[in-house]
C-alpha cells in the first residue's frame, strides 16, 4: 500500500479530512479503533440501512 504524502490529505469541510480519493480518513481511523465485533455490528447496521433505503425508494417509485 502506498503511503500518502501530507499534501494528498486536504480539508474537505470544517472537521472532515479526506484523502485525494475523497475517502474520509477520520472515519477509517475511527473504525480501526473499534474491536472486530464492534466493526462488524456497525457494518451490518449500515448495510441494513442501505437495504431499507433501496426498498423504500423502490416502493416509492412504484407509487409514483
N, C-alpha and C. Protein backbone atom coordinates (compact mmCIF):
# COMPACT_ATOMS: atom_id res chain seq x y z
N UNK A 1 0.84 -1.18 0.00
CA UNK A 1 0.00 0.00 0.00
C UNK A 1 0.88 1.24 0.00
N UNK A 2 0.62 2.13 -0.90
CA UNK A 2 1.44 3.34 -1.00
C UNK A 2 1.10 4.29 0.14
N UNK A 3 2.13 4.96 0.65
CA UNK A 3 1.90 5.93 1.71
C UNK A 3 1.45 7.25 1.09
N UNK A 4 0.53 7.90 1.79
CA UNK A 4 0.05 9.20 1.34
C UNK A 4 0.97 10.28 1.86
N UNK A 5 1.29 11.22 1.02
CA UNK A 5 2.08 12.35 1.49
C UNK A 5 1.13 13.36 2.12
N UNK A 6 1.68 14.27 2.90
CA UNK A 6 0.83 15.23 3.61
C UNK A 6 0.04 16.12 2.67
N UNK A 7 0.54 16.34 1.46
CA UNK A 7 -0.20 17.21 0.54
C UNK A 7 -1.34 16.48 -0.15
N UNK A 8 -1.44 15.15 0.02
CA UNK A 8 -2.55 14.41 -0.56
C UNK A 8 -3.78 14.45 0.34
N UNK A 9 -3.59 14.83 1.60
CA UNK A 9 -4.71 14.95 2.52
C UNK A 9 -5.12 16.41 2.55
N UNK A 10 -6.39 16.67 2.29
CA UNK A 10 -6.85 18.04 2.20
C UNK A 10 -8.06 18.24 3.09
N UNK A 11 -8.33 19.46 3.43
CA UNK A 11 -9.53 19.80 4.21
C UNK A 11 -10.72 19.80 3.28
N UNK A 12 -11.74 19.02 3.63
CA UNK A 12 -12.95 18.99 2.82
C UNK A 12 -14.04 19.85 3.45
N UNK A 13 -14.03 19.97 4.75
CA UNK A 13 -15.03 20.76 5.46
C UNK A 13 -14.43 21.23 6.75
N UNK A 14 -15.28 21.64 7.66
CA UNK A 14 -14.76 22.20 8.91
C UNK A 14 -14.03 21.15 9.74
N UNK A 15 -14.53 19.92 9.79
CA UNK A 15 -13.90 18.90 10.61
C UNK A 15 -13.59 17.63 9.82
N UNK A 16 -13.81 17.64 8.53
CA UNK A 16 -13.64 16.43 7.73
C UNK A 16 -12.28 16.41 7.06
N UNK A 17 -11.60 15.29 7.19
CA UNK A 17 -10.36 15.09 6.45
C UNK A 17 -10.61 14.03 5.39
N UNK A 18 -10.23 14.33 4.18
CA UNK A 18 -10.35 13.38 3.09
C UNK A 18 -9.01 13.23 2.41
N UNK A 19 -8.77 12.03 1.89
CA UNK A 19 -7.56 11.86 1.10
C UNK A 19 -7.86 12.26 -0.35
N UNK A 20 -6.92 12.05 -1.23
CA UNK A 20 -7.07 12.50 -2.61
C UNK A 20 -8.21 11.80 -3.35
N UNK A 21 -8.67 10.65 -2.83
CA UNK A 21 -9.77 9.92 -3.46
C UNK A 21 -11.11 10.28 -2.88
N UNK A 22 -11.12 11.16 -1.87
CA UNK A 22 -12.37 11.54 -1.22
C UNK A 22 -12.75 10.62 -0.07
N UNK A 23 -11.82 9.76 0.34
CA UNK A 23 -12.08 8.85 1.45
C UNK A 23 -11.96 9.61 2.76
N UNK A 24 -12.94 9.44 3.64
CA UNK A 24 -12.95 10.11 4.94
C UNK A 24 -11.96 9.40 5.86
N UNK A 25 -10.80 9.99 6.01
CA UNK A 25 -9.71 9.39 6.79
C UNK A 25 -10.11 9.25 8.26
N UNK A 26 -10.79 10.23 8.81
CA UNK A 26 -11.21 10.18 10.21
C UNK A 26 -12.16 9.01 10.46
N UNK A 27 -13.04 8.75 9.51
CA UNK A 27 -13.98 7.63 9.67
C UNK A 27 -13.23 6.30 9.64
N UNK A 28 -12.29 6.16 8.74
CA UNK A 28 -11.50 4.93 8.66
C UNK A 28 -10.72 4.74 9.96
N UNK A 29 -10.11 5.80 10.46
CA UNK A 29 -9.35 5.70 11.70
C UNK A 29 -10.25 5.31 12.86
N UNK A 30 -11.46 5.86 12.91
CA UNK A 30 -12.41 5.51 13.98
C UNK A 30 -12.80 4.04 13.90
N UNK A 31 -13.00 3.54 12.68
CA UNK A 31 -13.36 2.13 12.52
C UNK A 31 -12.21 1.22 12.93
N UNK A 32 -10.99 1.63 12.66
CA UNK A 32 -9.84 0.81 13.03
C UNK A 32 -9.63 0.77 14.54
N UNK A 33 -10.13 1.77 15.25
CA UNK A 33 -10.04 1.76 16.72
C UNK A 33 -11.07 0.82 17.34
N UNK A 34 -12.08 0.42 16.57
CA UNK A 34 -13.11 -0.48 17.08
C UNK A 34 -12.58 -1.91 17.14
N UNK A 35 -13.19 -2.70 18.02
CA UNK A 35 -12.88 -4.13 18.02
C UNK A 35 -13.55 -4.74 16.79
N UNK A 36 -13.16 -5.95 16.44
CA UNK A 36 -13.75 -6.61 15.27
C UNK A 36 -15.27 -6.76 15.43
N UNK A 37 -15.77 -7.25 16.59
CA UNK A 37 -17.23 -7.36 16.73
C UNK A 37 -17.95 -6.01 16.60
N UNK A 38 -17.35 -4.94 17.14
CA UNK A 38 -17.96 -3.61 17.01
C UNK A 38 -18.00 -3.18 15.55
N UNK A 39 -16.92 -3.44 14.84
CA UNK A 39 -16.84 -3.06 13.43
C UNK A 39 -17.88 -3.83 12.62
N UNK A 40 -18.02 -5.13 12.92
CA UNK A 40 -19.00 -5.95 12.20
C UNK A 40 -20.42 -5.44 12.48
N UNK A 41 -20.73 -5.15 13.75
CA UNK A 41 -22.06 -4.63 14.09
C UNK A 41 -22.34 -3.33 13.34
N UNK A 42 -21.35 -2.46 13.28
CA UNK A 42 -21.51 -1.19 12.58
C UNK A 42 -21.74 -1.40 11.10
N UNK A 43 -20.95 -2.28 10.49
CA UNK A 43 -21.09 -2.54 9.06
C UNK A 43 -22.44 -3.18 8.74
N UNK A 44 -22.91 -4.08 9.60
CA UNK A 44 -24.21 -4.72 9.40
C UNK A 44 -25.32 -3.67 9.50
N UNK A 45 -25.22 -2.78 10.48
CA UNK A 45 -26.23 -1.72 10.63
C UNK A 45 -26.25 -0.82 9.39
N UNK A 46 -25.09 -0.48 8.87
CA UNK A 46 -25.01 0.36 7.67
C UNK A 46 -25.61 -0.37 6.48
N UNK A 47 -25.27 -1.64 6.32
CA UNK A 47 -25.80 -2.43 5.21
C UNK A 47 -27.32 -2.54 5.30
N UNK A 48 -27.84 -2.79 6.51
CA UNK A 48 -29.29 -2.90 6.68
C UNK A 48 -29.99 -1.58 6.38
N UNK A 49 -29.39 -0.47 6.78
CA UNK A 49 -29.96 0.84 6.48
C UNK A 49 -29.98 1.09 4.98
N UNK A 50 -28.91 0.69 4.30
CA UNK A 50 -28.84 0.87 2.85
C UNK A 50 -29.90 0.01 2.15
N UNK A 51 -30.08 -1.21 2.62
CA UNK A 51 -31.11 -2.09 2.05
C UNK A 51 -32.49 -1.48 2.26
N UNK A 52 -32.75 -0.95 3.45
CA UNK A 52 -34.04 -0.33 3.75
C UNK A 52 -34.28 0.88 2.86
N UNK A 53 -33.24 1.68 2.62
CA UNK A 53 -33.39 2.85 1.75
C UNK A 53 -33.70 2.43 0.32
N UNK A 54 -33.03 1.39 -0.16
CA UNK A 54 -33.30 0.90 -1.52
C UNK A 54 -34.74 0.41 -1.64
N UNK A 55 -35.19 -0.35 -0.64
CA UNK A 55 -36.56 -0.85 -0.66
C UNK A 55 -37.56 0.30 -0.64
N UNK A 56 -37.31 1.30 0.20
CA UNK A 56 -38.21 2.46 0.28
C UNK A 56 -38.24 3.20 -1.05
N UNK A 57 -37.08 3.35 -1.67
CA UNK A 57 -37.01 4.04 -2.97
C UNK A 57 -37.74 3.23 -4.03
N UNK A 58 -37.57 1.92 -3.99
CA UNK A 58 -38.24 1.05 -4.96
C UNK A 58 -39.75 1.13 -4.78
N UNK A 59 -40.20 1.09 -3.53
CA UNK A 59 -41.64 1.18 -3.26
C UNK A 59 -42.18 2.55 -3.63
N UNK A 60 -41.41 3.60 -3.41
CA UNK A 60 -41.83 4.96 -3.76
C UNK A 60 -41.97 5.11 -5.27
N UNK A 61 -41.06 4.50 -6.03
CA UNK A 61 -41.12 4.63 -7.48
C UNK A 61 -42.32 3.88 -8.05
N UNK A 62 -42.78 2.84 -7.36
CA UNK A 62 -43.96 2.10 -7.80
C UNK A 62 -45.21 2.94 -7.56
N UNK A 63 -45.23 3.69 -6.47
CA UNK A 63 -46.37 4.54 -6.12
C UNK A 63 -46.49 5.70 -7.10
N UNK A 64 -45.36 6.29 -7.48
CA UNK A 64 -45.38 7.47 -8.36
C UNK A 64 -45.80 7.13 -9.73
